[in-house]
PDB file of N, CA and C in Angstrom:
ATOM      1  N   MET A   1       0.528 -11.276  -4.107  1.00  0.00           N
ATOM      2  CA  MET A   1       0.735 -12.182  -2.717  1.00  0.00           C
ATOM      3  C   MET A   1      -0.675 -12.693  -2.730  1.00  0.00           C
ATOM      4  N   GLU A   2      -0.638 -14.151  -2.451  1.00  0.00           N
ATOM      5  CA  GLU A   2      -2.018 -15.030  -2.466  1.00  0.00           C
ATOM      6  C   GLU A   2      -2.704 -14.715  -1.464  1.00  0.00           C
ATOM      7  N   LEU A   3      -4.043 -14.677  -1.389  1.00  0.00           N
ATOM      8  CA  LEU A   3      -5.083 -14.426  -0.263  1.00  0.00           C
ATOM      9  C   LEU A   3      -4.684 -15.101   1.059  1.00  0.00           C
ATOM     10  N   LYS A   4      -4.300 -16.723   0.636  1.00  0.00           N
ATOM     11  CA  LYS A   4      -3.997 -17.293   1.807  1.00  0.00           C
ATOM     12  C   LYS A   4      -2.670 -16.942   2.652  1.00  0.00           C
ATOM     13  N   SER A   5      -1.738 -16.281   2.011  1.00  0.00           N
ATOM     14  CA  SER A   5      -0.283 -15.855   2.469  1.00  0.00           C
ATOM     15  C   SER A   5      -0.876 -14.515   3.431  1.00  0.00           C
ATOM     16  N   VAL A   6      -1.619 -13.792   2.472  1.00  0.00           N
ATOM     17  CA  VAL A   6      -2.135 -12.749   3.389  1.00  0.00           C
ATOM     18  C   VAL A   6      -3.090 -12.846   4.662  1.00  0.00           C
ATOM     19  N   VAL A   7      -3.691 -13.747   4.671  1.00  0.00           N
ATOM     20  CA  VAL A   7      -4.716 -14.363   5.906  1.00  0.00           C
ATOM     21  C   VAL A   7      -3.510 -14.666   7.007  1.00  0.00           C
ATOM     22  N   THR A   8      -2.612 -15.422   6.560  1.00  0.00           N
ATOM     23  CA  THR A   8      -1.692 -15.968   7.427  1.00  0.00           C
ATOM     24  C   THR A   8      -0.676 -15.021   8.157  1.00  0.00           C
ATOM     25  N   ALA A   9      -0.455 -13.771   7.419  1.00  0.00           N
ATOM     26  CA  ALA A   9       0.496 -12.729   7.704  1.00  0.00           C
ATOM     27  C   ALA A   9      -0.521 -12.069   8.807  1.00  0.00           C
ATOM     28  N   LEU A  10      -1.590 -11.595   8.271  1.00  0.00           N
ATOM     29  CA  LEU A  10      -2.460 -10.847   9.325  1.00  0.00           C
ATOM     30  C   LEU A  10      -2.835 -11.426  10.433  1.00  0.00           C
ATOM     31  N   ALA A  11      -3.138 -12.917  10.483  1.00  0.00           N
ATOM     32  CA  ALA A  11      -3.594 -13.494  11.474  1.00  0.00           C
ATOM     33  C   ALA A  11      -2.136 -13.603  12.718  1.00  0.00           C
ATOM     34  N   ALA A  12      -1.062 -13.770  12.086  1.00  0.00           N
ATOM     35  CA  ALA A  12       0.333 -13.747  13.150  1.00  0.00           C
ATOM     36  C   ALA A  12       0.368 -12.378  13.750  1.00  0.00           C
ATOM     37  N   LEU A  13      -0.177 -11.048  12.660  1.00  0.00           N
ATOM     38  CA  LEU A  13       0.200  -9.763  13.383  1.00  0.00           C
ATOM     39  C   LEU A  13      -0.929  -9.419  14.480  1.00  0.00           C
ATOM     40  N   ALA A  14      -1.917 -10.191  14.149  1.00  0.00           N
ATOM     41  CA  ALA A  14      -3.310  -9.923  14.894  1.00  0.00           C
ATOM     42  C   ALA A  14      -3.118 -10.428  16.714  1.00  0.00           C
ATOM     43  N   GLN A  15      -1.812 -10.200  17.026  1.00  0.00           N
ATOM     44  CA  GLN A  15      -1.590 -10.662  18.483  1.00  0.00           C
ATOM     45  C   GLN A  15      -0.616  -9.662  19.136  1.00  0.00           C
ATOM     46  N   GLU A  16      -1.041  -8.933  20.219  1.00  0.00           N
ATOM     47  CA  GLU A  16      -0.401  -8.011  21.028  1.00  0.00           C
ATOM     48  C   GLU A  16       1.621  -8.273  20.930  1.00  0.00           C
ATOM     49  N   SER A  17       1.782  -9.402  21.418  1.00  0.00           N
ATOM     50  CA  SER A  17       3.334  -9.606  21.411  1.00  0.00           C
ATOM     51  C   SER A  17       3.868  -9.731  20.001  1.00  0.00           C
ATOM     52  N   ARG A  18       3.375 -10.601  19.274  1.00  0.00           N
ATOM     53  CA  ARG A  18       3.902 -10.663  17.520  1.00  0.00           C
ATOM     54  C   ARG A  18       3.869  -9.467  17.231  1.00  0.00           C
ATOM     55  N   LEU A  19       2.980  -8.477  17.160  1.00  0.00           N
ATOM     56  CA  LEU A  19       3.019  -7.248  16.417  1.00  0.00           C
ATOM     57  C   LEU A  19       4.114  -6.540  17.178  1.00  0.00           C
ATOM     58  N   ALA A  20       4.299  -6.382  18.384  1.00  0.00           N
ATOM     59  CA  ALA A  20       5.424  -5.954  19.150  1.00  0.00           C
ATOM     60  C   ALA A  20       6.653  -6.349  18.574  1.00  0.00           C
ATOM     61  N   ILE A  21       6.877  -7.463  18.449  1.00  0.00           N
ATOM     62  CA  ILE A  21       8.118  -8.090  18.186  1.00  0.00           C
ATOM     63  C   ILE A  21       8.367  -7.845  16.540  1.00  0.00           C
ATOM     64  N   PHE A  22       7.304  -7.915  15.853  1.00  0.00           N
ATOM     65  CA  PHE A  22       7.669  -7.281  14.099  1.00  0.00           C
ATOM     66  C   PHE A  22       8.083  -6.155  14.312  1.00  0.00           C
ATOM     67  N   ARG A  23       7.379  -5.030  14.908  1.00  0.00           N
ATOM     68  CA  ARG A  23       7.557  -3.752  14.836  1.00  0.00           C
ATOM     69  C   ARG A  23       9.013  -3.583  15.154  1.00  0.00           C
ATOM     70  N   LEU A  24       9.466  -4.202  16.628  1.00  0.00           N
ATOM     71  CA  LEU A  24      11.007  -4.141  16.964  1.00  0.00           C
ATOM     72  C   LEU A  24      11.915  -4.297  15.814  1.00  0.00           C
ATOM     73  N   LEU A  25      11.308  -5.526  15.114  1.00  0.00           N
ATOM     74  CA  LEU A  25      12.639  -5.961  14.017  1.00  0.00           C
ATOM     75  C   LEU A  25      12.245  -5.146  13.018  1.00  0.00           C
ATOM     76  N   VAL A  26      11.598  -4.536  12.500  1.00  0.00           N
ATOM     77  CA  VAL A  26      11.221  -3.574  11.446  1.00  0.00           C
ATOM     78  C   VAL A  26      12.391  -2.295  12.054  1.00  0.00           C
ATOM     79  N   GLN A  27      12.003  -1.891  13.029  1.00  0.00           N
ATOM     80  CA  GLN A  27      12.688  -0.823  13.661  1.00  0.00           C
ATOM     81  C   GLN A  27      14.439  -1.107  13.632  1.00  0.00           C
ATOM     82  N   THR A  28      14.741  -2.270  13.874  1.00  0.00           N
ATOM     83  CA  THR A  28      16.044  -2.851  13.972  1.00  0.00           C
ATOM     84  C   THR A  28      16.862  -2.993  12.732  1.00  0.00           C
ATOM     85  N   GLY A  29      16.013  -3.049  11.751  1.00  0.00           N
ATOM     86  CA  GLY A  29      16.488  -3.228  10.263  1.00  0.00           C
ATOM     87  C   GLY A  29      17.151  -4.711  10.009  1.00  0.00           C
ATOM     88  N   PRO A  30      17.605  -4.835   9.036  1.00  0.00           N
ATOM     89  CA  PRO A  30      18.297  -5.957   8.235  1.00  0.00           C
ATOM     90  C   PRO A  30      19.276  -6.748   9.297  1.00  0.00           C
ATOM     91  N   GLU A  31      20.123  -6.179  10.010  1.00  0.00           N
ATOM     92  CA  GLU A  31      20.955  -6.818  10.961  1.00  0.00           C
ATOM     93  C   GLU A  31      20.038  -7.428  12.039  1.00  0.00           C
ATOM     94  N   GLY A  32      18.925  -7.397  12.565  1.00  0.00           N
ATOM     95  CA  GLY A  32      17.964  -7.986  13.407  1.00  0.00           C
ATOM     96  C   GLY A  32      18.461  -7.849  14.991  1.00  0.00           C
ATOM     97  N   LEU A  33      18.005  -8.841  15.398  1.00  0.00           N
ATOM     98  CA  LEU A  33      18.342  -8.875  17.191  1.00  0.00           C
ATOM     99  C   LEU A  33      18.256 -10.657  17.464  1.00  0.00           C
ATOM    100  N   SER A  34      19.238 -10.771  18.584  1.00  0.00           N
ATOM    101  CA  SER A  34      19.238 -12.145  19.088  1.00  0.00           C
ATOM    102  C   SER A  34      17.738 -12.498  19.825  1.00  0.00           C
ATOM    103  N   ALA A  35      17.467 -13.695  19.937  1.00  0.00           N
ATOM    104  CA  ALA A  35      16.105 -13.968  20.744  1.00  0.00           C
ATOM    105  C   ALA A  35      16.236 -13.255  22.341  1.00  0.00           C
ATOM    106  N   GLY A  36      17.436 -13.445  22.675  1.00  0.00           N
ATOM    107  CA  GLY A  36      17.548 -12.857  24.017  1.00  0.00           C
ATOM    108  C   GLY A  36      17.436 -11.221  23.963  1.00  0.00           C
ATOM    109  N   LYS A  37      17.807 -10.273  23.008  1.00  0.00           N
ATOM    110  CA  LYS A  37      17.717  -9.113  23.409  1.00  0.00           C
ATOM    111  C   LYS A  37      16.257  -8.736  22.823  1.00  0.00           C
ATOM    112  N   ILE A  38      15.392  -9.525  22.258  1.00  0.00           N
ATOM    113  CA  ILE A  38      13.871  -9.214  21.714  1.00  0.00           C
ATOM    114  C   ILE A  38      13.028  -9.679  23.282  1.00  0.00           C
ATOM    115  N   SER A  39      13.374 -10.668  23.732  1.00  0.00           N
ATOM    116  CA  SER A  39      12.956 -11.041  25.020  1.00  0.00           C
ATOM    117  C   SER A  39      13.240 -10.132  26.060  1.00  0.00           C
ATOM    118  N   GLU A  40      14.311  -9.451  26.248  1.00  0.00           N
ATOM    119  CA  GLU A  40      14.674  -8.457  27.355  1.00  0.00           C
ATOM    120  C   GLU A  40      14.024  -7.048  26.935  1.00  0.00           C
ATOM    121  N   THR A  41      13.865  -6.682  25.579  1.00  0.00           N
ATOM    122  CA  THR A  41      13.431  -5.559  25.608  1.00  0.00           C
ATOM    123  C   THR A  41      12.018  -5.320  25.471  1.00  0.00           C
ATOM    124  N   LEU A  42      11.073  -6.376  25.092  1.00  0.00           N
ATOM    125  CA  LEU A  42      10.033  -6.720  25.198  1.00  0.00           C
ATOM    126  C   LEU A  42       9.079  -7.331  26.352  1.00  0.00           C
ATOM    127  N   GLY A  43      10.099  -7.396  27.347  1.00  0.00           N
ATOM    128  CA  GLY A  43       9.590  -8.229  28.499  1.00  0.00           C
ATOM    129  C   GLY A  43       8.694  -9.541  28.492  1.00  0.00           C
ATOM    130  N   ILE A  44       9.037 -10.163  27.202  1.00  0.00           N
ATOM    131  CA  ILE A  44       8.480 -11.470  26.692  1.00  0.00           C
ATOM    132  C   ILE A  44       9.282 -12.775  27.280  1.00  0.00           C
ATOM    133  N   PRO A  45       8.614 -13.792  28.038  1.00  0.00           N
ATOM    134  CA  PRO A  45       9.501 -14.766  28.571  1.00  0.00           C
ATOM    135  C   PRO A  45       9.950 -15.488  27.468  1.00  0.00           C
ATOM    136  N   PRO A  46      11.101 -16.164  27.297  1.00  0.00           N
ATOM    137  CA  PRO A  46      11.833 -16.814  26.373  1.00  0.00           C
ATOM    138  C   PRO A  46      11.139 -17.794  25.933  1.00  0.00           C
ATOM    139  N   SER A  47      10.279 -18.737  26.892  1.00  0.00           N
ATOM    140  CA  SER A  47       9.441 -19.941  26.421  1.00  0.00           C
ATOM    141  C   SER A  47       8.132 -19.392  25.490  1.00  0.00           C
ATOM    142  N   SER A  48       7.507 -18.232  25.608  1.00  0.00           N
ATOM    143  CA  SER A  48       6.683 -17.308  24.935  1.00  0.00           C
ATOM    144  C   SER A  48       6.936 -17.131  23.743  1.00  0.00           C
ATOM    145  N   LEU A  49       8.480 -16.541  23.814  1.00  0.00           N
ATOM    146  CA  LEU A  49       9.053 -15.595  22.608  1.00  0.00           C
ATOM    147  C   LEU A  49       8.934 -16.704  21.522  1.00  0.00           C
ATOM    148  N   SER A  50       9.569 -17.884  22.148  1.00  0.00           N
ATOM    149  CA  SER A  50       9.579 -19.175  20.753  1.00  0.00           C
ATOM    150  C   SER A  50       8.281 -19.450  20.015  1.00  0.00           C
ATOM    151  N   PHE A  51       7.231 -19.433  20.954  1.00  0.00           N
ATOM    152  CA  PHE A  51       6.252 -19.774  20.370  1.00  0.00           C
ATOM    153  C   PHE A  51       5.749 -18.775  19.368  1.00  0.00           C
ATOM    154  N   HIS A  52       5.969 -17.337  19.531  1.00  0.00           N
ATOM    155  CA  HIS A  52       5.361 -16.276  18.922  1.00  0.00           C
ATOM    156  C   HIS A  52       6.529 -16.052  17.587  1.00  0.00           C
ATOM    157  N   MET A  53       7.885 -16.310  17.832  1.00  0.00           N
ATOM    158  CA  MET A  53       8.627 -16.460  16.665  1.00  0.00           C
ATOM    159  C   MET A  53       8.279 -17.467  15.601  1.00  0.00           C
ATOM    160  N   LYS A  54       7.808 -18.565  16.227  1.00  0.00           N
ATOM    161  CA  LYS A  54       7.248 -19.857  15.280  1.00  0.00           C
ATOM    162  C   LYS A  54       6.079 -19.189  14.417  1.00  0.00           C
ATOM    163  N   GLU A  55       5.221 -18.516  14.935  1.00  0.00           N
ATOM    164  CA  GLU A  55       4.162 -17.966  14.172  1.00  0.00           C
ATOM    165  C   GLU A  55       4.403 -17.016  13.233  1.00  0.00           C
ATOM    166  N   LEU A  56       5.450 -16.170  13.564  1.00  0.00           N
ATOM    167  CA  LEU A  56       5.633 -15.050  12.436  1.00  0.00           C
ATOM    168  C   LEU A  56       6.613 -15.722  11.490  1.00  0.00           C
ATOM    169  N   ALA A  57       7.501 -16.855  11.769  1.00  0.00           N
ATOM    170  CA  ALA A  57       8.187 -17.377  10.723  1.00  0.00           C
ATOM    171  C   ALA A  57       7.567 -18.350   9.680  1.00  0.00           C
ATOM    172  N   HIS A  58       6.620 -18.987  10.434  1.00  0.00           N
ATOM    173  CA  HIS A  58       5.301 -19.506   9.732  1.00  0.00           C
ATOM    174  C   HIS A  58       4.756 -18.616   8.422  1.00  0.00           C
ATOM    175  N   ALA A  59       4.342 -17.208   9.066  1.00  0.00           N
ATOM    176  CA  ALA A  59       3.906 -16.269   8.112  1.00  0.00           C
ATOM    177  C   ALA A  59       4.811 -15.979   7.608  1.00  0.00           C
ATOM    178  N   ASP A  60       5.881 -16.120   7.404  1.00  0.00           N
ATOM    179  CA  ASP A  60       7.287 -15.622   6.198  1.00  0.00           C
ATOM    180  C   ASP A  60       7.578 -13.957   6.595  1.00  0.00           C
ATOM    181  N   LEU A  61       7.159 -13.506   8.018  1.00  0.00           N
ATOM    182  CA  LEU A  61       7.128 -12.172   8.286  1.00  0.00           C
ATOM    183  C   LEU A  61       8.674 -12.085   8.967  1.00  0.00           C
ATOM    184  N   VAL A  62       9.202 -13.193   9.586  1.00  0.00           N
ATOM    185  CA  VAL A  62      10.778 -13.238  10.137  1.00  0.00           C
ATOM    186  C   VAL A  62      11.510 -14.198   9.502  1.00  0.00           C
ATOM    187  N   SER A  63      12.982 -14.025   9.550  1.00  0.00           N
ATOM    188  CA  SER A  63      13.796 -15.219   9.286  1.00  0.00           C
ATOM    189  C   SER A  63      14.672 -15.028  10.406  1.00  0.00           C
ATOM    190  N   SER A  64      15.544 -16.356  10.364  1.00  0.00           N
ATOM    191  CA  SER A  64      16.543 -16.507  11.501  1.00  0.00           C
ATOM    192  C   SER A  64      17.480 -16.802  10.589  1.00  0.00           C
ATOM    193  N   ARG A  65      18.886 -16.443  11.678  1.00  0.00           N
ATOM    194  CA  ARG A  65      20.064 -17.118  11.193  1.00  0.00           C
ATOM    195  C   ARG A  65      20.853 -17.308  12.428  1.00  0.00           C
ATOM    196  N   GLN A  66      21.752 -18.477  12.419  1.00  0.00           N
ATOM    197  CA  GLN A  66      22.461 -18.715  13.617  1.00  0.00           C
ATOM    198  C   GLN A  66      23.999 -17.846  13.309  1.00  0.00           C
ATOM    199  N   GLU A  67      24.301 -17.247  14.534  1.00  0.00           N
ATOM    200  CA  GLU A  67      25.670 -16.359  14.558  1.00  0.00           C
ATOM    201  C   GLU A  67      26.063 -16.963  16.019  1.00  0.00           C
ATOM    202  N   SER A  68      27.205 -17.670  15.969  1.00  0.00           N
ATOM    203  CA  SER A  68      27.867 -18.364  16.873  1.00  0.00           C
ATOM    204  C   SER A  68      26.733 -19.024  17.728  1.00  0.00           C
ATOM    205  N   ARG A  69      26.605 -18.757  18.939  1.00  0.00           N
ATOM    206  CA  ARG A  69      25.519 -19.646  19.838  1.00  0.00           C
ATOM    207  C   ARG A  69      24.351 -18.890  20.042  1.00  0.00           C
ATOM    208  N   TYR A  70      24.187 -17.796  19.184  1.00  0.00           N
ATOM    209  CA  TYR A  70      22.942 -16.889  19.105  1.00  0.00           C
ATOM    210  C   TYR A  70      22.237 -17.296  18.003  1.00  0.00           C
ATOM    211  N   VAL A  71      20.803 -17.174  18.108  1.00  0.00           N
ATOM    212  CA  VAL A  71      19.739 -17.194  17.069  1.00  0.00           C
ATOM    213  C   VAL A  71      19.142 -15.530  16.795  1.00  0.00           C
ATOM    214  N   ILE A  72      19.466 -15.062  15.452  1.00  0.00           N
ATOM    215  CA  ILE A  72      19.288 -13.988  15.182  1.00  0.00           C
ATOM    216  C   ILE A  72      18.140 -13.536  14.333  1.00  0.00           C
ATOM    217  N   TYR A  73      17.165 -12.921  14.789  1.00  0.00           N
ATOM    218  CA  TYR A  73      16.021 -13.073  13.957  1.00  0.00           C
ATOM    219  C   TYR A  73      15.801 -11.334  13.324  1.00  0.00           C
ATOM    220  N   SER A  74      15.135 -11.307  12.018  1.00  0.00           N
ATOM    221  CA  SER A  74      15.155  -9.985  11.456  1.00  0.00           C
ATOM    222  C   SER A  74      13.759 -10.249  10.640  1.00  0.00           C
ATOM    223  N   ALA A  75      13.083  -8.960  10.481  1.00  0.00           N
ATOM    224  CA  ALA A  75      12.052  -8.798   9.885  1.00  0.00           C
ATOM    225  C   ALA A  75      12.141  -8.914   8.495  1.00  0.00           C
ATOM    226  N   ASN A  76      11.146  -9.840   7.681  1.00  0.00           N
ATOM    227  CA  ASN A  76      11.217 -10.169   6.281  1.00  0.00           C
ATOM    228  C   ASN A  76      10.664  -8.985   5.503  1.00  0.00           C
ATOM    229  N   PHE A  77      11.460  -8.018   5.038  1.00  0.00           N
ATOM    230  CA  PHE A  77      11.017  -6.751   4.211  1.00  0.00           C
ATOM    231  C   PHE A  77      10.312  -7.317   2.985  1.00  0.00           C
ATOM    232  N   ARG A  78      10.624  -8.108   2.385  1.00  0.00           N
ATOM    233  CA  ARG A  78      10.175  -8.347   1.128  1.00  0.00           C
ATOM    234  C   ARG A  78       8.445  -8.757   1.401  1.00  0.00           C
ATOM    235  N   THR A  79       8.196  -9.807   2.399  1.00  0.00           N
ATOM    236  CA  THR A  79       6.796 -10.133   2.628  1.00  0.00           C
ATOM    237  C   THR A  79       6.115  -9.029   3.326  1.00  0.00           C
ATOM    238  N   MET A  80       6.628  -7.918   3.958  1.00  0.00           N
ATOM    239  CA  MET A  80       6.102  -6.780   4.486  1.00  0.00           C
ATOM    240  C   MET A  80       5.695  -6.064   3.537  1.00  0.00           C
ATOM    241  N   ASN A  81       6.398  -5.706   2.681  1.00  0.00           N
ATOM    242  CA  ASN A  81       6.401  -4.716   1.492  1.00  0.00           C
ATOM    243  C   ASN A  81       5.053  -5.624   0.523  1.00  0.00           C
ATOM    244  N   GLU A  82       5.063  -6.755   0.223  1.00  0.00           N
ATOM    245  CA  GLU A  82       4.106  -7.612  -0.481  1.00  0.00           C
ATOM    246  C   GLU A  82       2.791  -7.307   0.334  1.00  0.00           C
ATOM    247  N   LEU A  83       2.745  -7.423   1.488  1.00  0.00           N
ATOM    248  CA  LEU A  83       1.396  -7.397   2.267  1.00  0.00           C
ATOM    249  C   LEU A  83       0.832  -6.118   2.224  1.00  0.00           C
ATOM    250  N   LEU A  84       1.626  -4.954   2.299  1.00  0.00           N
ATOM    251  CA  LEU A  84       1.447  -3.721   2.379  1.00  0.00           C
ATOM    252  C   LEU A  84       0.800  -3.126   0.794  1.00  0.00           C
ATOM    253  N   GLY A  85       1.391  -3.870  -0.283  1.00  0.00           N
ATOM    254  CA  GLY A  85       1.091  -3.665  -1.322  1.00  0.00           C
ATOM    255  C   GLY A  85      -0.371  -4.264  -1.619  1.00  0.00           C
ATOM    256  N   PHE A  86      -0.488  -5.536  -1.254  1.00  0.00           N
ATOM    257  CA  PHE A  86      -1.654  -6.053  -1.276  1.00  0.00           C
ATOM    258  C   PHE A  86      -2.821  -5.234  -0.427  1.00  0.00           C
ATOM    259  N   LEU A  87      -2.302  -4.849   0.407  1.00  0.00           N
ATOM    260  CA  LEU A  87      -3.616  -3.890   1.235  1.00  0.00           C
ATOM    261  C   LEU A  87      -3.935  -2.880   0.647  1.00  0.00           C
ATOM    262  N   THR A  88      -3.008  -2.035  -0.204  1.00  0.00           N
ATOM    263  CA  THR A  88      -3.083  -0.587  -0.570  1.00  0.00           C
ATOM    264  C   THR A  88      -3.226  -0.836  -2.078  1.00  0.00           C
ATOM    265  N   GLU A  89      -3.339  -1.958  -2.647  1.00  0.00           N
ATOM    266  CA  GLU A  89      -3.618  -2.102  -4.141  1.00  0.00           C
ATOM    267  C   GLU A  89      -4.327  -1.444  -4.842  1.00  0.00           C
ATOM    268  N   ASN A  90      -5.819  -0.983  -4.193  1.00  0.00           N
ATOM    269  CA  ASN A  90      -6.820  -0.361  -4.849  1.00  0.00           C
ATOM    270  C   ASN A  90      -6.994   1.025  -4.212  1.00  0.00           C
ATOM    271  N   CYS A  91      -6.151   1.389  -3.361  1.00  0.00           N
ATOM    272  CA  CYS A  91      -6.401   2.692  -2.506  1.00  0.00           C
ATOM    273  C   CYS A  91      -6.313   3.847  -3.543  1.00  0.00           C
ATOM    274  N   CYS A  92      -7.003   4.937  -2.757  1.00  0.00           N
ATOM    275  CA  CYS A  92      -7.033   6.401  -3.849  1.00  0.00           C
ATOM    276  C   CYS A  92      -7.675   6.030  -5.183  1.00  0.00           C
ATOM    277  N   SER A  93      -8.764   5.165  -5.169  1.00  0.00           N
ATOM    278  CA  SER A  93      -9.623   5.233  -6.346  1.00  0.00           C
ATOM    279  C   SER A  93      -8.663   4.586  -7.431  1.00  0.00           C
ATOM    280  N   GLY A  94      -7.729   3.809  -7.225  1.00  0.00           N
ATOM    281  CA  GLY A  94      -7.008   3.123  -8.529  1.00  0.00           C
ATOM    282  C   GLY A  94      -5.685   3.974  -8.607  1.00  0.00           C
ATOM    283  N   LYS A  95      -5.712   5.269  -8.206  1.00  0.00           N
ATOM    284  CA  LYS A  95      -4.476   6.100  -8.645  1.00  0.00           C
ATOM    285  C   LYS A  95      -3.427   6.073  -7.673  1.00  0.00           C
ATOM    286  N   PRO A  96      -2.418   5.840  -8.043  1.00  0.00           N
ATOM    287  CA  PRO A  96      -1.207   5.479  -7.103  1.00  0.00           C
ATOM    288  C   PRO A  96      -0.954   6.252  -6.145  1.00  0.00           C
ATOM    289  N   CYS A  97      -0.650   6.095  -4.940  1.00  0.00           N
ATOM    290  CA  CYS A  97      -0.288   6.894  -3.686  1.00  0.00           C
ATOM    291  C   CYS A  97       1.275   7.101  -3.673  1.00  0.00           C
ATOM    292  N   LYS A  98       1.554   8.089  -3.027  1.00  0.00           N
ATOM    293  CA  LYS A  98       2.847   8.413  -2.800  1.00  0.00           C
ATOM    294  C   LYS A  98       3.371   7.741  -1.346  1.00  0.00           C
ATOM    295  N   PRO A  99       4.448   7.065  -1.219  1.00  0.00           N
ATOM    296  CA  PRO A  99       4.912   6.306  -0.154  1.00  0.00           C
ATOM    297  C   PRO A  99       5.388   7.122   1.193  1.00  0.00           C
ATOM    298  N   THR A 100       4.215   7.684   1.634  1.00  0.00           N
ATOM    299  CA  THR A 100       4.639   8.634   2.722  1.00  0.00           C
ATOM    300  C   THR A 100       3.703   8.447   3.876  1.00  0.00           C
ATOM    301  N   ALA A 101       4.001   8.980   4.914  1.00  0.00           N
ATOM    302  CA  ALA A 101       3.048   8.485   6.124  1.00  0.00           C
ATOM    303  C   ALA A 101       1.804   8.991   6.036  1.00  0.00           C
ATOM    304  N   THR A 102       1.511  10.323   5.390  1.00  0.00           N
ATOM    305  CA  THR A 102       0.495  10.967   5.037  1.00  0.00           C
ATOM    306  C   THR A 102      -0.055  10.514   3.913  1.00  0.00           C
ATOM    307  N   SER A 103      -1.430   9.979   3.581  1.00  0.00           N
ATOM    308  CA  SER A 103      -1.875   9.272   2.504  1.00  0.00           C
ATOM    309  C   SER A 103      -2.435  10.523   1.522  1.00  0.00           C
ATOM    310  N   ASP A 104      -2.193  10.281   0.357  1.00  0.00           N
ATOM    311  CA  ASP A 104      -2.707  11.250  -0.739  1.00  0.00           C
ATOM    312  C   ASP A 104      -4.336  11.179  -0.691  1.00  0.00           C
ATOM    313  N   CYS A 105      -5.025  10.047   0.054  1.00  0.00           N
ATOM    314  CA  CYS A 105      -6.296   9.826   0.120  1.00  0.00           C
ATOM    315  C   CYS A 105      -6.967  10.808   0.905  1.00  0.00           C
ATOM    316  N   ALA A 106      -6.189  11.426   1.821  1.00  0.00           N
ATOM    317  CA  ALA A 106      -6.776  12.452   2.635  1.00  0.00           C
ATOM    318  C   ALA A 106      -7.820  13.571   1.944  1.00  0.00           C
ATOM    319  N   GLY A 107      -7.061  13.921   0.675  1.00  0.00           N
ATOM    320  CA  GLY A 107      -7.790  14.841   0.155  1.00  0.00           C
ATOM    321  C   GLY A 107      -9.011  14.441  -0.589  1.00  0.00           C
ATOM    322  N   ILE A 108      -9.013  13.146  -0.951  1.00  0.00           N
ATOM    323  CA  ILE A 108      -9.985  12.694  -1.585  1.00  0.00           C
ATOM    324  C   ILE A 108     -11.372  12.462  -0.710  1.00  0.00           C
ATOM    325  N   GLU A 109     -11.009  11.936   0.617  1.00  0.00           N
ATOM    326  CA  GLU A 109     -12.240  11.902   1.387  1.00  0.00           C
ATOM    327  C   GLU A 109     -12.720  13.374   1.818  1.00  0.00           C
ATOM    328  N   GLU A 110     -11.811  14.384   1.831  1.00  0.00           N
ATOM    329  CA  GLU A 110     -12.394  15.582   2.274  1.00  0.00           C
ATOM    330  C   GLU A 110     -13.458  16.371   1.263  1.00  0.00           C
ATOM    331  N   THR A 111     -12.911  16.006  -0.149  1.00  0.00           N
ATOM    332  CA  THR A 111     -13.686  16.459  -1.331  1.00  0.00           C
ATOM    333  C   THR A 111     -14.993  15.719  -1.638  1.00  0.00           C
ATOM    334  N   GLN A 112     -14.896  14.463  -1.158  1.00  0.00           N
ATOM    335  CA  GLN A 112     -16.203  13.643  -1.271  1.00  0.00           C
ATOM    336  C   GLN A 112     -17.200  13.882  -0.231  1.00  0.00           C
ATOM    337  N   ALA A 113     -16.843  14.383   1.169  1.00  0.00           N
ATOM    338  CA  ALA A 113     -17.498  14.487   2.368  1.00  0.00           C
ATOM    339  C   ALA A 113     -18.848  15.541   2.111  1.00  0.00           C
TER     340      ALA A 113
END
């Protein structure tokens, strides 16, 4: 992932509403949610939601599709995984980490302290 893309993605997520939207879409999975459902679930006014969705789409963190008269948004898992890969590329002293909620780096920090 290019550094410019990383900065754009992190900047998009560095706002409370956009982070909440992205987390909701990640939890929802590939099927996504309509703009109205996102607005209703998070209590974000539709006019504000449009602005936030534009920022997330610009960062390639979400994609949209038209279904009938609804716009359905879903998280772009490829970009999310590339961003996570970039952020963890050199963790654990260059040793691969297991993809779990608990990092293998915890043991390293304890032994070095």
